[in-house]
């Protein structure tokens, strides 16, 4: 499903990320071409694999096999298209390249190119790593139901593998804030805490508290969830 953006070229694919027009694609690819490690198929593969480990799911494969592409910058163009599937995937890839290449003006130009297409991620890298680590081994009775509760009136339907809570977190991070101002990923972590043993629940609630801070409307929205009763299997 694509949404008409009046010729802007940036289209939201509900739950799946973005597609790029030619100008947007070129602006990112041209900056990536300046990174030596990305000119080596093995270096590029390593960056992709490290990014997948960090987000906890596999970046969708291409039909053509990007690592074997010998047509100029075709492999990078294809990879950029794949990375736009998740906001977190693109930003984590950029951060992974920076980890390997080091901080410099070139990396800042890559960030600038990506920033013209995607907003800064909802979570900092540390916040994302923390919630992913907390959720990696947790059990949820009905992920789809908690997802529906978490997105509220946004009405998005879960498309990720419900057996992989990290994939669900990535999908939630792609979504906008709810009507009450809470971000769905914060609401999901708070609902998830209700099903966990005390120690795990406390860690999740400390994380949601840190995301909300002292902003009164968000604190109130969070505490409405915290004090509510969740009926399992219902939204």
C-alpha atoms as a PDB file:
ATOM      1  CA  UNK A   1       0.000   0.000   0.000  1.00  0.00           C
ATOM      2  CA  UNK A   2       1.398   3.419  -0.893  1.00  0.00           C
ATOM      3  CA  UNK A   3       0.130   6.814   0.140  1.00  0.00           C
ATOM      4  CA  UNK A   4      -0.067   9.665  -2.341  1.00  0.00           C
ATOM      5  CA  UNK A   5       2.237  12.424  -1.112  1.00  0.00           C
ATOM      6  CA  UNK A   6       1.465  14.929  -3.846  1.00  0.00           C
ATOM      7  CA  UNK A   7       4.671  14.326  -5.777  1.00  0.00           C
ATOM      8  CA  UNK A   8       7.029  14.708  -2.819  1.00  0.00           C
ATOM      9  CA  UNK A   9       8.426  11.259  -3.559  1.00  0.00           C
ATOM     10  CA  UNK A  10       8.504   9.987   0.009  1.00  0.00           C
ATOM     11  CA  UNK A  11       5.833   7.360   0.568  1.00  0.00           C
ATOM     12  CA  UNK A  12       4.933   5.576   3.743  1.00  0.00           C
ATOM     13  CA  UNK A  13       4.259   1.875   3.425  1.00  0.00           C
ATOM     14  CA  UNK A  14       2.089   1.148   6.439  1.00  0.00           C
ATOM     15  CA  UNK A  15       4.142  -0.902   8.864  1.00  0.00           C
ATOM     16  CA  UNK A  16       6.925  -1.450   6.308  1.00  0.00           C
ATOM     17  CA  UNK A  17       8.915   1.797   5.961  1.00  0.00           C
ATOM     18  CA  UNK A  18       9.577   4.093   3.011  1.00  0.00           C
ATOM     19  CA  UNK A  19      10.217   4.036  -0.696  1.00  0.00           C
ATOM     20  CA  UNK A  20      12.496   6.617  -2.284  1.00  0.00           C
ATOM     21  CA  UNK A  21      12.387   8.530  -5.532  1.00  0.00           C
ATOM     22  CA  UNK A  22      15.491   8.752  -7.712  1.00  0.00           C
ATOM     23  CA  UNK A  23      16.756  12.022  -6.237  1.00  0.00           C
ATOM     24  CA  UNK A  24      16.406  10.814  -2.661  1.00  0.00           C
ATOM     25  CA  UNK A  25      18.079   7.501  -3.468  1.00  0.00           C
ATOM     26  CA  UNK A  26      21.011   9.225  -5.162  1.00  0.00           C
ATOM     27  CA  UNK A  27      21.545  11.629  -2.270  1.00  0.00           C
ATOM     28  CA  UNK A  28      22.137   8.735   0.130  1.00  0.00           C
ATOM     29  CA  UNK A  29      24.008   6.423  -2.258  1.00  0.00           C
ATOM     30  CA  UNK A  30      26.475   9.108  -3.313  1.00  0.00           C
ATOM     31  CA  UNK A  31      27.511   9.708   0.290  1.00  0.00           C
ATOM     32  CA  UNK A  32      27.862   5.969   0.990  1.00  0.00           C
ATOM     33  CA  UNK A  33      30.124   5.598  -2.060  1.00  0.00           C
ATOM     34  CA  UNK A  34      32.759   7.615  -0.204  1.00  0.00           C
ATOM     35  CA  UNK A  35      33.106   4.980   2.548  1.00  0.00           C
ATOM     36  CA  UNK A  36      35.891   2.561   1.662  1.00  0.00           C
ATOM     37  CA  UNK A  37      34.546  -0.351   3.715  1.00  0.00           C
ATOM     38  CA  UNK A  38      31.300  -0.285   1.711  1.00  0.00           C
ATOM     39  CA  UNK A  39      33.169  -0.743  -1.579  1.00  0.00           C
ATOM     40  CA  UNK A  40      34.240  -4.212  -0.461  1.00  0.00           C
ATOM     41  CA  UNK A  41      31.404  -6.792  -0.701  1.00  0.00           C
ATOM     42  CA  UNK A  42      32.620  -8.467   2.485  1.00  0.00           C
ATOM     43  CA  UNK A  43      32.843  -5.156   4.299  1.00  0.00           C
ATOM     44  CA  UNK A  44      29.329  -4.298   3.194  1.00  0.00           C
ATOM     45  CA  UNK A  45      28.076  -7.711   4.231  1.00  0.00           C
ATOM     46  CA  UNK A  46      29.674  -7.295   7.641  1.00  0.00           C
ATOM     47  CA  UNK A  47      27.930  -3.934   8.162  1.00  0.00           C
ATOM     48  CA  UNK A  48      24.593  -5.497   7.239  1.00  0.00           C
ATOM     49  CA  UNK A  49      25.087  -8.485   9.528  1.00  0.00           C
ATOM     50  CA  UNK A  50      26.125  -6.308  12.472  1.00  0.00           C
ATOM     51  CA  UNK A  51      23.078  -4.098  11.885  1.00  0.00           C
ATOM     52  CA  UNK A  52      20.807  -7.165  11.840  1.00  0.00           C
ATOM     53  CA  UNK A  53      22.269  -8.371  15.117  1.00  0.00           C
ATOM     54  CA  UNK A  54      21.590  -4.983  16.694  1.00  0.00           C
ATOM     55  CA  UNK A  55      17.951  -4.712  15.556  1.00  0.00           C
ATOM     56  CA  UNK A  56      17.245  -8.386  16.205  1.00  0.00           C
ATOM     57  CA  UNK A  57      15.839  -9.351  12.808  1.00  0.00           C
ATOM     58  CA  UNK A  58      16.918 -10.004   9.256  1.00  0.00           C
ATOM     59  CA  UNK A  59      16.803  -7.159   6.755  1.00  0.00           C
ATOM     60  CA  UNK A  60      14.593  -8.429   3.899  1.00  0.00           C
ATOM     61  CA  UNK A  61      16.660 -10.034   1.120  1.00  0.00           C
ATOM     62  CA  UNK A  62      16.715  -8.826  -2.449  1.00  0.00           C
ATOM     63  CA  UNK A  63      15.916 -10.970  -5.442  1.00  0.00           C
ATOM     64  CA  UNK A  64      19.155 -10.048  -7.213  1.00  0.00           C
ATOM     65  CA  UNK A  65      21.768 -10.703  -4.539  1.00  0.00           C
ATOM     66  CA  UNK A  66      23.209  -7.306  -3.682  1.00  0.00           C
ATOM     67  CA  UNK A  67      26.638  -8.576  -2.602  1.00  0.00           C
ATOM     68  CA  UNK A  68      27.356  -9.993  -6.055  1.00  0.00           C
ATOM     69  CA  UNK A  69      26.207  -6.940  -8.001  1.00  0.00           C
ATOM     70  CA  UNK A  70      29.016  -5.650 -10.239  1.00  0.00           C
ATOM     71  CA  UNK A  71      27.104  -2.822 -11.907  1.00  0.00           C
ATOM     72  CA  UNK A  72      28.673   0.282 -10.391  1.00  0.00           C
ATOM     73  CA  UNK A  73      26.738   1.386  -7.322  1.00  0.00           C
ATOM     74  CA  UNK A  74      23.810  -0.973  -7.904  1.00  0.00           C
ATOM     75  CA  UNK A  75      24.514  -2.999  -4.783  1.00  0.00           C
ATOM     76  CA  UNK A  76      24.397   0.120  -2.606  1.00  0.00           C
ATOM     77  CA  UNK A  77      21.206   1.375  -4.261  1.00  0.00           C
ATOM     78  CA  UNK A  78      19.517  -1.925  -3.600  1.00  0.00           C
ATOM     79  CA  UNK A  79      20.745  -2.054  -0.016  1.00  0.00           C
ATOM     80  CA  UNK A  80      19.494   1.469   0.723  1.00  0.00           C
ATOM     81  CA  UNK A  81      16.053   0.471  -0.555  1.00  0.00           C
ATOM     82  CA  UNK A  82      16.082  -2.552   1.720  1.00  0.00           C
ATOM     83  CA  UNK A  83      17.201  -0.535   4.739  1.00  0.00           C
ATOM     84  CA  UNK A  84      14.294   1.892   4.349  1.00  0.00           C
ATOM     85  CA  UNK A  85      12.040  -0.984   5.408  1.00  0.00           C
ATOM     86  CA  UNK A  86      12.625   0.031   9.040  1.00  0.00           C
ATOM     87  CA  UNK A  87      13.605   3.419  10.420  1.00  0.00           C
ATOM     88  CA  UNK A  88      15.778   1.598  12.962  1.00  0.00           C
ATOM     89  CA  UNK A  89      17.454  -0.490  10.242  1.00  0.00           C
ATOM     90  CA  UNK A  90      18.671   2.556   8.336  1.00  0.00           C
ATOM     91  CA  UNK A  91      19.872   4.483  11.381  1.00  0.00           C
ATOM     92  CA  UNK A  92      21.550   1.447  12.955  1.00  0.00           C
ATOM     93  CA  UNK A  93      23.317   0.758   9.657  1.00  0.00           C
ATOM     94  CA  UNK A  94      24.664   4.328   9.613  1.00  0.00           C
ATOM     95  CA  UNK A  95      25.799   3.969  13.225  1.00  0.00           C
ATOM     96  CA  UNK A  96      27.441   0.611  12.435  1.00  0.00           C
ATOM     97  CA  UNK A  97      29.367   2.161   9.555  1.00  0.00           C
ATOM     98  CA  UNK A  98      30.466   4.917  11.925  1.00  0.00           C
ATOM     99  CA  UNK A  99      31.610   2.320  14.470  1.00  0.00           C
ATOM    100  CA  UNK A 100      33.850   0.731  11.847  1.00  0.00           C
ATOM    101  CA  UNK A 101      34.922   3.832   9.942  1.00  0.00           C
ATOM    102  CA  UNK A 102      35.170   6.363  12.714  1.00  0.00           C
ATOM    103  CA  UNK A 103      33.589   9.769  13.168  1.00  0.00           C
ATOM    104  CA  UNK A 104      34.397  12.262  10.412  1.00  0.00           C
ATOM    105  CA  UNK A 105      32.845  14.784   8.051  1.00  0.00           C
ATOM    106  CA  UNK A 106      31.981  12.007   5.604  1.00  0.00           C
ATOM    107  CA  UNK A 107      29.861  10.204   8.186  1.00  0.00           C
ATOM    108  CA  UNK A 108      28.121  13.460   9.068  1.00  0.00           C
ATOM    109  CA  UNK A 109      27.283  13.943   5.390  1.00  0.00           C
ATOM    110  CA  UNK A 110      25.694  10.473   5.385  1.00  0.00           C
ATOM    111  CA  UNK A 111      23.641  11.381   8.449  1.00  0.00           C
ATOM    112  CA  UNK A 112      22.577  14.613   6.795  1.00  0.00           C
ATOM    113  CA  UNK A 113      21.478  12.778   3.641  1.00  0.00           C
ATOM    114  CA  UNK A 114      19.463  10.253   5.668  1.00  0.00           C
ATOM    115  CA  UNK A 115      18.013  13.022   7.855  1.00  0.00           C
ATOM    116  CA  UNK A 116      16.485  14.703   4.798  1.00  0.00           C
ATOM    117  CA  UNK A 117      14.454  11.518   4.215  1.00  0.00           C
ATOM    118  CA  UNK A 118      13.881  10.110   7.701  1.00  0.00           C
ATOM    119  CA  UNK A 119      13.290  11.896  10.967  1.00  0.00           C
ATOM    120  CA  UNK A 120      15.761  11.244  13.754  1.00  0.00           C
ATOM    121  CA  UNK A 121      14.875   7.900  15.376  1.00  0.00           C
ATOM    122  CA  UNK A 122      12.390   7.873  18.249  1.00  0.00           C
ATOM    123  CA  UNK A 123      14.893   6.048  20.452  1.00  0.00           C
ATOM    124  CA  UNK A 124      18.536   6.780  20.962  1.00  0.00           C
ATOM    125  CA  UNK A 125      20.834   3.884  20.222  1.00  0.00           C
ATOM    126  CA  UNK A 126      21.273   3.238  23.943  1.00  0.00           C
ATOM    127  CA  UNK A 127      17.515   3.329  24.609  1.00  0.00           C
ATOM    128  CA  UNK A 128      16.890   0.892  21.760  1.00  0.00           C
ATOM    129  CA  UNK A 129      19.613  -1.464  22.929  1.00  0.00           C
ATOM    130  CA  UNK A 130      18.234  -1.379  26.480  1.00  0.00           C
ATOM    131  CA  UNK A 131      14.633  -2.230  25.592  1.00  0.00           C
ATOM    132  CA  UNK A 132      15.724  -4.894  23.091  1.00  0.00           C
ATOM    133  CA  UNK A 133      17.932  -6.527  25.693  1.00  0.00           C
ATOM    134  CA  UNK A 134      15.105  -6.499  28.235  1.00  0.00           C
ATOM    135  CA  UNK A 135      12.590  -8.002  25.801  1.00  0.00           C
ATOM    136  CA  UNK A 136      14.815 -10.564  24.082  1.00  0.00           C
ATOM    137  CA  UNK A 137      13.787 -13.449  26.325  1.00  0.00           C
ATOM    138  CA  UNK A 138      10.409 -12.291  27.650  1.00  0.00           C
ATOM    139  CA  UNK A 139       7.189 -14.202  27.059  1.00  0.00           C
ATOM    140  CA  UNK A 140       3.935 -12.483  26.116  1.00  0.00           C
ATOM    141  CA  UNK A 141       0.578 -14.263  26.151  1.00  0.00           C
ATOM    142  CA  UNK A 142      -0.863 -12.378  23.157  1.00  0.00           C
ATOM    143  CA  UNK A 143       1.523 -10.099  21.294  1.00  0.00           C
ATOM    144  CA  UNK A 144      -1.075  -9.052  18.712  1.00  0.00           C
ATOM    145  CA  UNK A 145      -3.498  -7.946  21.444  1.00  0.00           C
ATOM    146  CA  UNK A 146      -0.855  -5.899  23.253  1.00  0.00           C
ATOM    147  CA  UNK A 147       0.154  -4.383  19.917  1.00  0.00           C
ATOM    148  CA  UNK A 148      -3.448  -3.273  19.285  1.00  0.00           C
ATOM    149  CA  UNK A 149      -3.668  -1.782  22.765  1.00  0.00           C
ATOM    150  CA  UNK A 150      -0.357  -0.018  22.307  1.00  0.00           C
ATOM    151  CA  UNK A 151      -1.156   1.640  18.962  1.00  0.00           C
ATOM    152  CA  UNK A 152      -4.643   2.637  20.119  1.00  0.00           C
ATOM    153  CA  UNK A 153      -6.627   4.710  17.632  1.00  0.00           C
ATOM    154  CA  UNK A 154      -3.741   4.639  15.126  1.00  0.00           C
ATOM    155  CA  UNK A 155      -5.262   1.361  13.980  1.00  0.00           C
ATOM    156  CA  UNK A 156      -2.084  -0.273  12.673  1.00  0.00           C
ATOM    157  CA  UNK A 157      -2.130  -4.066  12.437  1.00  0.00           C
ATOM    158  CA  UNK A 158       0.892  -6.098  13.466  1.00  0.00           C
ATOM    159  CA  UNK A 159       2.793  -7.470  10.475  1.00  0.00           C
ATOM    160  CA  UNK A 160       6.002  -8.626  12.200  1.00  0.00           C
ATOM    161  CA  UNK A 161       6.708 -12.103  13.507  1.00  0.00           C
ATOM    162  CA  UNK A 162       4.878 -12.099  16.830  1.00  0.00           C
ATOM    163  CA  UNK A 163       7.322 -14.693  18.153  1.00  0.00           C
ATOM    164  CA  UNK A 164      10.127 -12.127  17.880  1.00  0.00           C
ATOM    165  CA  UNK A 165       9.495  -9.314  20.338  1.00  0.00           C
ATOM    166  CA  UNK A 166      12.486  -7.395  18.989  1.00  0.00           C
ATOM    167  CA  UNK A 167      10.908  -7.321  15.516  1.00  0.00           C
ATOM    168  CA  UNK A 168       7.668  -6.087  17.098  1.00  0.00           C
ATOM    169  CA  UNK A 169       9.606  -3.316  18.856  1.00  0.00           C
ATOM    170  CA  UNK A 170      11.134  -2.256  15.529  1.00  0.00           C
ATOM    171  CA  UNK A 171       7.690  -2.057  13.953  1.00  0.00           C
ATOM    172  CA  UNK A 172       6.373  -0.019  16.865  1.00  0.00           C
ATOM    173  CA  UNK A 173       9.304   2.386  16.604  1.00  0.00           C
ATOM    174  CA  UNK A 174       8.255   3.157  13.006  1.00  0.00           C
ATOM    175  CA  UNK A 175       4.864   4.430  14.145  1.00  0.00           C
ATOM    176  CA  UNK A 176       3.818   7.962  15.192  1.00  0.00           C
ATOM    177  CA  UNK A 177       2.747   8.946  18.694  1.00  0.00           C
ATOM    178  CA  UNK A 178      -0.718   8.048  19.949  1.00  0.00           C
ATOM    179  CA  UNK A 179      -3.502  10.553  20.529  1.00  0.00           C
ATOM    180  CA  UNK A 180      -2.503  10.843  24.207  1.00  0.00           C
ATOM    181  CA  UNK A 181       1.079  11.686  23.236  1.00  0.00           C
ATOM    182  CA  UNK A 182       2.649   8.400  24.303  1.00  0.00           C
ATOM    183  CA  UNK A 183       4.701   6.625  21.691  1.00  0.00           C
ATOM    184  CA  UNK A 184       3.374   3.102  20.948  1.00  0.00           C
ATOM    185  CA  UNK A 185       6.700   1.489  21.859  1.00  0.00           C
ATOM    186  CA  UNK A 186       6.469   3.027  25.343  1.00  0.00           C
ATOM    187  CA  UNK A 187       2.863   1.901  25.730  1.00  0.00           C
ATOM    188  CA  UNK A 188       3.810  -1.619  24.589  1.00  0.00           C
ATOM    189  CA  UNK A 189       6.631  -1.868  27.122  1.00  0.00           C
ATOM    190  CA  UNK A 190       4.252  -0.731  29.875  1.00  0.00           C
ATOM    191  CA  UNK A 191       1.565  -3.237  28.885  1.00  0.00           C
ATOM    192  CA  UNK A 192       4.189  -5.958  28.585  1.00  0.00           C
ATOM    193  CA  UNK A 193       5.368  -5.236  32.138  1.00  0.00           C
ATOM    194  CA  UNK A 194       1.952  -6.311  33.428  1.00  0.00           C
ATOM    195  CA  UNK A 195       2.642  -9.895  32.323  1.00  0.00           C
ATOM    196  CA  UNK A 196       6.169 -10.208  33.687  1.00  0.00           C
ATOM    197  CA  UNK A 197       7.636 -11.342  37.015  1.00  0.00           C
ATOM    198  CA  UNK A 198       8.377  -8.456  39.406  1.00  0.00           C
ATOM    199  CA  UNK A 199      12.059  -8.040  38.527  1.00  0.00           C
ATOM    200  CA  UNK A 200      11.475  -7.915  34.755  1.00  0.00           C
ATOM    201  CA  UNK A 201       8.399  -5.704  35.208  1.00  0.00           C
ATOM    202  CA  UNK A 202      10.390  -3.221  37.288  1.00  0.00           C
ATOM    203  CA  UNK A 203      13.105  -2.967  34.611  1.00  0.00           C
ATOM    204  CA  UNK A 204      10.500  -2.290  31.923  1.00  0.00           C
ATOM    205  CA  UNK A 205       8.778   0.366  34.036  1.00  0.00           C
ATOM    206  CA  UNK A 206      12.054   2.101  34.794  1.00  0.00           C
ATOM    207  CA  UNK A 207      12.632   2.255  31.032  1.00  0.00           C
ATOM    208  CA  UNK A 208       9.163   3.670  30.303  1.00  0.00           C
ATOM    209  CA  UNK A 209       9.558   6.214  33.112  1.00  0.00           C
ATOM    210  CA  UNK A 210      12.874   7.326  31.627  1.00  0.00           C
ATOM    211  CA  UNK A 211      11.265   7.779  28.196  1.00  0.00           C
ATOM    212  CA  UNK A 212       8.390   9.876  29.547  1.00  0.00           C
ATOM    213  CA  UNK A 213      10.388  11.977  31.979  1.00  0.00           C
ATOM    214  CA  UNK A 214       8.422  14.649  33.874  1.00  0.00           C
ATOM    215  CA  UNK A 215       6.094  15.731  31.060  1.00  0.00           C
ATOM    216  CA  UNK A 216       2.775  15.768  32.885  1.00  0.00           C
ATOM    217  CA  UNK A 217       0.410  14.690  30.059  1.00  0.00           C
ATOM    218  CA  UNK A 218       2.679  11.750  29.202  1.00  0.00           C
ATOM    219  CA  UNK A 219       3.138  10.791  32.852  1.00  0.00           C
ATOM    220  CA  UNK A 220      -0.645  10.761  33.252  1.00  0.00           C
ATOM    221  CA  UNK A 221      -1.102   8.670  30.099  1.00  0.00           C
ATOM    222  CA  UNK A 222       1.543   6.201  31.265  1.00  0.00           C
ATOM    223  CA  UNK A 223      -0.009   5.866  34.704  1.00  0.00           C
ATOM    224  CA  UNK A 224      -3.437   5.242  33.177  1.00  0.00           C
ATOM    225  CA  UNK A 225      -1.930   2.185  31.535  1.00  0.00           C
ATOM    226  CA  UNK A 226      -0.080   1.217  34.700  1.00  0.00           C
ATOM    227  CA  UNK A 227      -3.240   1.328  36.794  1.00  0.00           C
ATOM    228  CA  UNK A 228      -5.487  -0.346  34.223  1.00  0.00           C
ATOM    229  CA  UNK A 229      -6.481  -3.976  34.046  1.00  0.00           C
ATOM    230  CA  UNK A 230      -5.544  -5.689  30.778  1.00  0.00           C
ATOM    231  CA  UNK A 231      -7.887  -8.393  29.606  1.00  0.00           C
ATOM    232  CA  UNK A 232      -5.749 -10.892  27.803  1.00  0.00           C
ATOM    233  CA  UNK A 233      -6.608 -11.540  24.181  1.00  0.00           C
ATOM    234  CA  UNK A 234      -8.687  -8.381  23.859  1.00  0.00           C
ATOM    235  CA  UNK A 235      -7.954  -4.880  22.676  1.00  0.00           C
END
